[in-house]
């Protein structure tokens, strides 16, 4: 047998411990170049710019063949 708790953990104490476990909403900002939503302080995944400078080359999306 392992160790057992001496006293029951109250609901308030349990809930205070879990207060940081909730998911936080993702903060998005509009890209000033293409106006797509992106994460702040990150290279825009749709146009490849950061602070107005083209950093990465984005490949064109392929069209579906029918």
N, C-alpha and C. Protein backbone atom coordinates (compact mmCIF):
# COMPACT_ATOMS: atom_id res chain seq x y z
N UNK A 1 0.84 -1.18 0.00
CA UNK A 1 0.00 0.00 0.00
C UNK A 1 0.89 1.25 0.00
N UNK A 2 0.48 2.18 -0.80
CA UNK A 2 1.20 3.44 -0.85
C UNK A 2 0.68 4.42 0.20
N UNK A 3 1.25 5.59 0.20
CA UNK A 3 0.83 6.61 1.16
C UNK A 3 -0.56 7.13 0.80
N UNK A 4 -1.34 7.45 1.82
CA UNK A 4 -2.69 7.99 1.62
C UNK A 4 -2.76 9.39 2.20
N UNK A 5 -3.62 10.24 1.61
CA UNK A 5 -3.74 11.60 2.16
C UNK A 5 -4.37 11.58 3.56
N UNK A 6 -3.86 12.43 4.42
CA UNK A 6 -4.37 12.46 5.80
C UNK A 6 -5.74 13.13 5.86
N UNK A 7 -5.94 14.16 5.00
CA UNK A 7 -7.21 14.89 4.98
C UNK A 7 -7.69 15.07 3.55
N UNK A 8 -9.00 15.24 3.41
CA UNK A 8 -9.59 15.48 2.09
C UNK A 8 -9.18 16.88 1.61
N UNK A 9 -8.80 16.98 0.33
CA UNK A 9 -8.50 18.28 -0.27
C UNK A 9 -9.83 18.95 -0.58
N UNK A 10 -10.04 20.14 -0.07
CA UNK A 10 -11.31 20.83 -0.28
C UNK A 10 -11.49 21.22 -1.74
N UNK A 11 -12.73 21.46 -2.14
CA UNK A 11 -13.03 21.83 -3.52
C UNK A 11 -12.37 23.15 -3.90
N UNK A 12 -12.33 24.07 -2.96
CA UNK A 12 -11.70 25.37 -3.24
C UNK A 12 -10.21 25.24 -3.48
N UNK A 13 -9.55 24.43 -2.65
CA UNK A 13 -8.10 24.23 -2.82
C UNK A 13 -7.80 23.52 -4.13
N UNK A 14 -8.62 22.51 -4.46
CA UNK A 14 -8.45 21.79 -5.72
C UNK A 14 -8.66 22.73 -6.90
N UNK A 15 -9.69 23.56 -6.84
CA UNK A 15 -9.99 24.46 -7.96
C UNK A 15 -8.95 25.57 -8.09
N UNK A 16 -8.40 26.03 -6.99
CA UNK A 16 -7.33 27.04 -7.08
C UNK A 16 -6.08 26.45 -7.74
N UNK A 17 -5.80 25.19 -7.48
CA UNK A 17 -4.66 24.53 -8.11
C UNK A 17 -4.88 24.42 -9.62
N UNK A 18 -6.12 24.22 -10.03
CA UNK A 18 -6.44 24.03 -11.45
C UNK A 18 -6.74 25.35 -12.17
N UNK A 19 -6.58 26.47 -11.52
CA UNK A 19 -6.98 27.75 -12.12
C UNK A 19 -6.14 28.09 -13.34
N UNK A 20 -4.94 27.58 -13.48
CA UNK A 20 -4.07 27.89 -14.62
C UNK A 20 -4.16 26.84 -15.72
N UNK A 21 -5.02 25.84 -15.57
CA UNK A 21 -5.11 24.76 -16.54
C UNK A 21 -6.01 25.09 -17.73
N UNK A 22 -6.78 26.17 -17.66
CA UNK A 22 -7.72 26.50 -18.72
C UNK A 22 -6.97 26.93 -19.98
N UNK A 23 -7.56 26.65 -21.15
CA UNK A 23 -6.97 27.06 -22.41
C UNK A 23 -7.17 28.56 -22.60
N UNK A 24 -6.15 29.21 -23.08
CA UNK A 24 -6.22 30.65 -23.32
C UNK A 24 -6.49 30.89 -24.81
N UNK A 25 -7.26 31.92 -25.16
CA UNK A 25 -7.53 32.18 -26.58
C UNK A 25 -6.26 32.62 -27.30
N UNK A 26 -6.15 32.25 -28.57
CA UNK A 26 -5.00 32.60 -29.38
C UNK A 26 -5.12 34.06 -29.78
N UNK A 27 -4.07 34.84 -29.55
CA UNK A 27 -4.07 36.25 -29.89
C UNK A 27 -3.58 36.40 -31.34
N UNK A 28 -4.43 36.94 -32.20
CA UNK A 28 -4.08 37.12 -33.60
C UNK A 28 -4.11 38.60 -33.96
N UNK A 29 -3.25 38.99 -34.88
CA UNK A 29 -3.23 40.36 -35.40
C UNK A 29 -3.27 40.30 -36.92
N UNK A 30 -3.72 41.37 -37.54
CA UNK A 30 -3.78 41.43 -39.00
C UNK A 30 -2.41 41.79 -39.55
N UNK A 31 -1.99 41.10 -40.61
CA UNK A 31 -0.73 41.40 -41.28
C UNK A 31 -0.89 42.73 -42.01
N UNK A 32 0.05 43.67 -41.87
CA UNK A 32 -0.09 44.96 -42.56
C UNK A 32 0.07 44.86 -44.07
N UNK A 33 0.67 43.79 -44.57
CA UNK A 33 0.88 43.65 -46.01
C UNK A 33 -0.33 43.01 -46.69
N UNK A 34 -0.73 41.83 -46.22
CA UNK A 34 -1.79 41.06 -46.90
C UNK A 34 -3.10 41.04 -46.11
N UNK A 35 -3.10 41.57 -44.88
CA UNK A 35 -4.29 41.67 -44.03
C UNK A 35 -4.85 40.31 -43.61
N UNK A 36 -4.03 39.26 -43.67
CA UNK A 36 -4.41 37.96 -43.13
C UNK A 36 -4.10 37.94 -41.64
N UNK A 37 -4.83 37.13 -40.89
CA UNK A 37 -4.58 37.03 -39.46
C UNK A 37 -3.37 36.14 -39.21
N UNK A 38 -2.51 36.57 -38.29
CA UNK A 38 -1.28 35.84 -37.98
C UNK A 38 -0.95 36.06 -36.51
N UNK A 39 0.01 35.26 -35.99
CA UNK A 39 0.47 35.43 -34.62
C UNK A 39 1.39 36.65 -34.54
N UNK A 40 1.34 37.41 -33.45
CA UNK A 40 2.23 38.57 -33.34
C UNK A 40 3.69 38.14 -33.21
N UNK A 41 4.60 38.96 -33.70
CA UNK A 41 6.04 38.73 -33.65
C UNK A 41 6.46 37.48 -34.42
N UNK A 42 5.71 37.11 -35.43
CA UNK A 42 6.01 35.94 -36.25
C UNK A 42 5.97 36.35 -37.72
N UNK A 43 6.66 35.62 -38.56
CA UNK A 43 6.59 35.83 -40.00
C UNK A 43 5.19 35.44 -40.47
N UNK A 44 4.61 36.24 -41.35
CA UNK A 44 3.26 35.96 -41.86
C UNK A 44 3.32 34.70 -42.72
N UNK A 45 2.50 33.69 -42.42
CA UNK A 45 2.55 32.45 -43.21
C UNK A 45 1.96 32.59 -44.61
N UNK A 46 1.17 33.63 -44.86
CA UNK A 46 0.55 33.74 -46.17
C UNK A 46 1.38 34.57 -47.15
N UNK A 47 2.07 35.61 -46.66
CA UNK A 47 2.87 36.43 -47.59
C UNK A 47 4.37 36.37 -47.31
N UNK A 48 4.80 35.90 -46.14
CA UNK A 48 6.22 35.73 -45.84
C UNK A 48 6.95 36.99 -45.44
N UNK A 49 6.24 38.00 -44.95
CA UNK A 49 6.90 39.25 -44.55
C UNK A 49 6.97 39.38 -43.04
N UNK A 50 7.95 40.15 -42.58
CA UNK A 50 8.09 40.47 -41.16
C UNK A 50 8.58 41.91 -41.07
N UNK A 51 7.83 42.77 -40.43
CA UNK A 51 8.13 44.21 -40.33
C UNK A 51 8.32 44.84 -41.72
N UNK A 52 7.51 44.43 -42.67
CA UNK A 52 7.56 45.01 -44.01
C UNK A 52 8.66 44.47 -44.90
N UNK A 53 9.44 43.52 -44.43
CA UNK A 53 10.55 42.96 -45.22
C UNK A 53 10.20 41.52 -45.60
N UNK A 54 10.37 41.18 -46.87
CA UNK A 54 10.10 39.81 -47.33
C UNK A 54 11.21 38.90 -46.79
N UNK A 55 10.85 37.98 -45.93
CA UNK A 55 11.82 37.14 -45.25
C UNK A 55 11.89 35.75 -45.88
N UNK A 56 10.75 35.17 -46.18
CA UNK A 56 10.72 33.84 -46.78
C UNK A 56 9.88 33.87 -48.05
N UNK A 57 10.18 32.96 -48.95
CA UNK A 57 9.43 32.85 -50.20
C UNK A 57 8.31 31.83 -49.99
N UNK A 58 7.09 32.24 -50.31
CA UNK A 58 5.94 31.40 -50.16
C UNK A 58 5.58 30.76 -51.50
N UNK A 59 5.45 29.44 -51.52
CA UNK A 59 5.09 28.75 -52.75
C UNK A 59 3.61 28.97 -53.05
N UNK A 60 3.26 29.03 -54.33
CA UNK A 60 1.86 29.19 -54.73
C UNK A 60 1.10 27.92 -54.43
N UNK A 61 -0.17 28.09 -54.03
CA UNK A 61 -1.00 26.94 -53.72
C UNK A 61 -1.37 26.22 -55.01
N UNK A 62 -1.37 24.89 -54.95
CA UNK A 62 -1.73 24.08 -56.10
C UNK A 62 -3.25 23.98 -56.21
N UNK A 63 -3.76 24.07 -57.44
CA UNK A 63 -5.20 23.93 -57.66
C UNK A 63 -5.53 22.45 -57.77
N UNK A 64 -6.71 22.09 -57.30
CA UNK A 64 -7.17 20.71 -57.39
C UNK A 64 -7.54 20.40 -58.83
N UNK A 65 -7.11 19.27 -59.35
CA UNK A 65 -7.50 18.87 -60.70
C UNK A 65 -8.80 18.10 -60.64
N UNK A 66 -9.68 18.41 -61.57
CA UNK A 66 -11.00 17.78 -61.56
C UNK A 66 -11.02 16.52 -62.37
